[in-house]
Amino acid sequence: MLWITFKLYDNILILMPKTIEKKIWPDQFDNDQQESVDFRLADFDLEKGDVIRFREWDPRAESYTGREFSRTVGAVSKHNSPTRYWSVDELEKHGIYIIEWDQE
């Protein structure tokens, strides 16, 4: 899910960075808040300045836990290198993002 915000200044419509919502598993939640980079399947549009809102997802309960945090994208690059998290088909179709966070 993503939100795109527009603001009007002196009759000029300005596109603001979008907010993208992503699930994060409980075993990654606490550690990932401290990391300076993240790897994500590139199945969504992403640009520098966008905000990713991570919502903790419990796969056993199949529901959100209520914990969340947000990070601002400082830089992003796209690669098609294989990993243990995504199938070759997914990587060939989308690639992966290597996301560097802004220092907040």
C-alpha atoms as a PDB file:
ATOM      1  CA  MET A   1       0.000   0.000   0.000  1.00  0.00           C
ATOM      2  CA  LEU A   2       1.273   3.499  -0.721  1.00  0.00           C
ATOM      3  CA  TRP A   3       0.124   7.060  -0.272  1.00  0.00           C
ATOM      4  CA  ILE A   4       1.003   9.906  -2.609  1.00  0.00           C
ATOM      5  CA  THR A   5       0.715  13.408  -1.194  1.00  0.00           C
ATOM      6  CA  PHE A   6       0.248  16.597  -3.183  1.00  0.00           C
ATOM      7  CA  LYS A   7       0.587  20.140  -1.842  1.00  0.00           C
ATOM      8  CA  LEU A   8      -0.389  23.372  -3.522  1.00  0.00           C
ATOM      9  CA  TYR A   9       2.032  26.312  -3.232  1.00  0.00           C
ATOM     10  CA  ASP A  10       1.316  29.529  -5.140  1.00  0.00           C
ATOM     11  CA  ASN A  11      -0.947  27.610  -7.549  1.00  0.00           C
ATOM     12  CA  ILE A  12       1.785  25.017  -8.226  1.00  0.00           C
ATOM     13  CA  LEU A  13       0.971  21.413  -7.427  1.00  0.00           C
ATOM     14  CA  ILE A  14       3.990  19.672  -5.866  1.00  0.00           C
ATOM     15  CA  LEU A  15       4.314  15.898  -5.607  1.00  0.00           C
ATOM     16  CA  MET A  16       5.568  14.943  -2.151  1.00  0.00           C
ATOM     17  CA  PRO A  17       7.510  11.737  -1.401  1.00  0.00           C
ATOM     18  CA  LYS A  18       5.241   8.714  -1.144  1.00  0.00           C
ATOM     19  CA  THR A  19       4.762   6.489   1.894  1.00  0.00           C
ATOM     20  CA  ILE A  20       4.937   2.771   1.213  1.00  0.00           C
ATOM     21  CA  GLU A  21       3.644   0.201   3.692  1.00  0.00           C
ATOM     22  CA  LYS A  22       5.572  -3.087   4.088  1.00  0.00           C
ATOM     23  CA  LYS A  23       5.236  -6.090   6.391  1.00  0.00           C
ATOM     24  CA  ILE A  24       8.113  -7.087   8.649  1.00  0.00           C
ATOM     25  CA  TRP A  25       8.352 -10.342  10.616  1.00  0.00           C
ATOM     26  CA  PRO A  26       8.754 -10.299  14.441  1.00  0.00           C
ATOM     27  CA  ASP A  27      12.239 -11.854  14.357  1.00  0.00           C
ATOM     28  CA  GLN A  28      13.462  -8.978  12.162  1.00  0.00           C
ATOM     29  CA  PHE A  29      11.536  -6.073  13.713  1.00  0.00           C
ATOM     30  CA  ASP A  30      13.904  -4.954  16.508  1.00  0.00           C
ATOM     31  CA  ASN A  31      17.143  -5.543  14.593  1.00  0.00           C
ATOM     32  CA  ASP A  32      15.986  -3.875  11.352  1.00  0.00           C
ATOM     33  CA  GLN A  33      15.287  -0.576  13.131  1.00  0.00           C
ATOM     34  CA  GLN A  34      19.031  -0.300  13.801  1.00  0.00           C
ATOM     35  CA  GLU A  35      20.246  -1.268  10.311  1.00  0.00           C
ATOM     36  CA  SER A  36      21.499   1.318   7.807  1.00  0.00           C
ATOM     37  CA  VAL A  37      20.424  -0.727   4.741  1.00  0.00           C
ATOM     38  CA  ASP A  38      17.589  -3.070   3.750  1.00  0.00           C
ATOM     39  CA  PHE A  39      17.014  -5.526   0.906  1.00  0.00           C
ATOM     40  CA  ARG A  40      13.516  -5.777  -0.582  1.00  0.00           C
ATOM     41  CA  LEU A  41      12.007  -7.493  -3.594  1.00  0.00           C
ATOM     42  CA  ALA A  42      11.657  -4.667  -6.138  1.00  0.00           C
ATOM     43  CA  ASP A  43       7.959  -5.321  -6.844  1.00  0.00           C
ATOM     44  CA  PHE A  44       7.010  -1.691  -6.095  1.00  0.00           C
ATOM     45  CA  ASP A  45       8.182   1.767  -7.219  1.00  0.00           C
ATOM     46  CA  LEU A  46      10.760   3.361  -4.935  1.00  0.00           C
ATOM     47  CA  GLU A  47      12.742   6.599  -5.072  1.00  0.00           C
ATOM     48  CA  LYS A  48      15.084   8.586  -2.834  1.00  0.00           C
ATOM     49  CA  GLY A  49      13.020  10.551  -0.315  1.00  0.00           C
ATOM     50  CA  ASP A  50      10.169   8.022  -0.130  1.00  0.00           C
ATOM     51  CA  VAL A  51       9.154   6.748   3.312  1.00  0.00           C
ATOM     52  CA  ILE A  52       8.691   3.058   4.069  1.00  0.00           C
ATOM     53  CA  ARG A  53       6.354   2.308   6.955  1.00  0.00           C
ATOM     54  CA  PHE A  54       7.202  -1.116   8.398  1.00  0.00           C
ATOM     55  CA  ARG A  55       4.342  -2.866  10.203  1.00  0.00           C
ATOM     56  CA  GLU A  56       5.156  -5.942  12.263  1.00  0.00           C
ATOM     57  CA  TRP A  57       3.282  -8.980  10.926  1.00  0.00           C
ATOM     58  CA  ASP A  58       2.838 -12.204  12.885  1.00  0.00           C
ATOM     59  CA  PRO A  59       2.648 -14.988  10.278  1.00  0.00           C
ATOM     60  CA  ARG A  60       1.317 -17.519  12.812  1.00  0.00           C
ATOM     61  CA  ALA A  61      -1.581 -15.296  13.866  1.00  0.00           C
ATOM     62  CA  GLU A  62      -1.886 -13.884  10.322  1.00  0.00           C
ATOM     63  CA  SER A  63      -2.334 -10.388  11.709  1.00  0.00           C
ATOM     64  CA  TYR A  64      -0.453  -7.183  12.494  1.00  0.00           C
ATOM     65  CA  THR A  65       0.924  -6.852  16.038  1.00  0.00           C
ATOM     66  CA  GLY A  66       0.460  -3.072  16.264  1.00  0.00           C
ATOM     67  CA  ARG A  67       4.195  -2.298  16.323  1.00  0.00           C
ATOM     68  CA  GLU A  68       5.570  -0.201  13.472  1.00  0.00           C
ATOM     69  CA  PHE A  69       8.349   2.191  12.480  1.00  0.00           C
ATOM     70  CA  SER A  70       9.138   4.332   9.425  1.00  0.00           C
ATOM     71  CA  ARG A  71      12.378   5.042   7.567  1.00  0.00           C
ATOM     72  CA  THR A  72      13.195   7.558   4.817  1.00  0.00           C
ATOM     73  CA  VAL A  73      15.010   6.270   1.728  1.00  0.00           C
ATOM     74  CA  GLY A  74      18.392   7.993   1.338  1.00  0.00           C
ATOM     75  CA  ALA A  75      19.533   6.049  -1.741  1.00  0.00           C
ATOM     76  CA  VAL A  76      18.280   3.051  -3.684  1.00  0.00           C
ATOM     77  CA  SER A  77      19.813   0.726  -6.266  1.00  0.00           C
ATOM     78  CA  LYS A  78      18.290  -2.249  -8.045  1.00  0.00           C
ATOM     79  CA  HIS A  79      19.976  -5.628  -8.610  1.00  0.00           C
ATOM     80  CA  ASN A  80      19.073  -9.106  -9.829  1.00  0.00           C
ATOM     81  CA  SER A  81      21.446 -11.099  -7.612  1.00  0.00           C
ATOM     82  CA  PRO A  82      20.029 -14.345  -6.172  1.00  0.00           C
ATOM     83  CA  THR A  83      19.246 -14.576  -2.445  1.00  0.00           C
ATOM     84  CA  ARG A  84      17.695 -17.144  -0.149  1.00  0.00           C
ATOM     85  CA  TYR A  85      14.548 -15.034   0.315  1.00  0.00           C
ATOM     86  CA  TRP A  86      13.205 -14.842  -3.246  1.00  0.00           C
ATOM     87  CA  SER A  87      12.822 -17.312  -6.080  1.00  0.00           C
ATOM     88  CA  VAL A  88      14.799 -17.005  -9.313  1.00  0.00           C
ATOM     89  CA  ASP A  89      11.507 -16.246 -11.106  1.00  0.00           C
ATOM     90  CA  GLU A  90      10.745 -13.333  -8.734  1.00  0.00           C
ATOM     91  CA  LEU A  91      14.259 -11.962  -9.111  1.00  0.00           C
ATOM     92  CA  GLU A  92      14.166 -12.237 -12.901  1.00  0.00           C
ATOM     93  CA  LYS A  93      10.807 -10.449 -12.948  1.00  0.00           C
ATOM     94  CA  HIS A  94      11.442  -7.710 -10.348  1.00  0.00           C
ATOM     95  CA  GLY A  95      15.058  -7.671  -9.101  1.00  0.00           C
ATOM     96  CA  ILE A  96      15.826  -6.510  -5.554  1.00  0.00           C
ATOM     97  CA  TYR A  97      16.301  -3.063  -4.071  1.00  0.00           C
ATOM     98  CA  ILE A  98      19.263  -2.279  -1.870  1.00  0.00           C
ATOM     99  CA  ILE A  99      17.949   0.612   0.221  1.00  0.00           C
ATOM    100  CA  GLU A 100      20.140   2.986   2.238  1.00  0.00           C
ATOM    101  CA  TRP A 101      18.319   4.957   4.935  1.00  0.00           C
ATOM    102  CA  ASP A 102      18.655   8.670   5.597  1.00  0.00           C
ATOM    103  CA  GLN A 103      20.452   9.345   8.885  1.00  0.00           C
ATOM    104  CA  GLU A 104      17.625  10.693  11.023  1.00  0.00           C
END
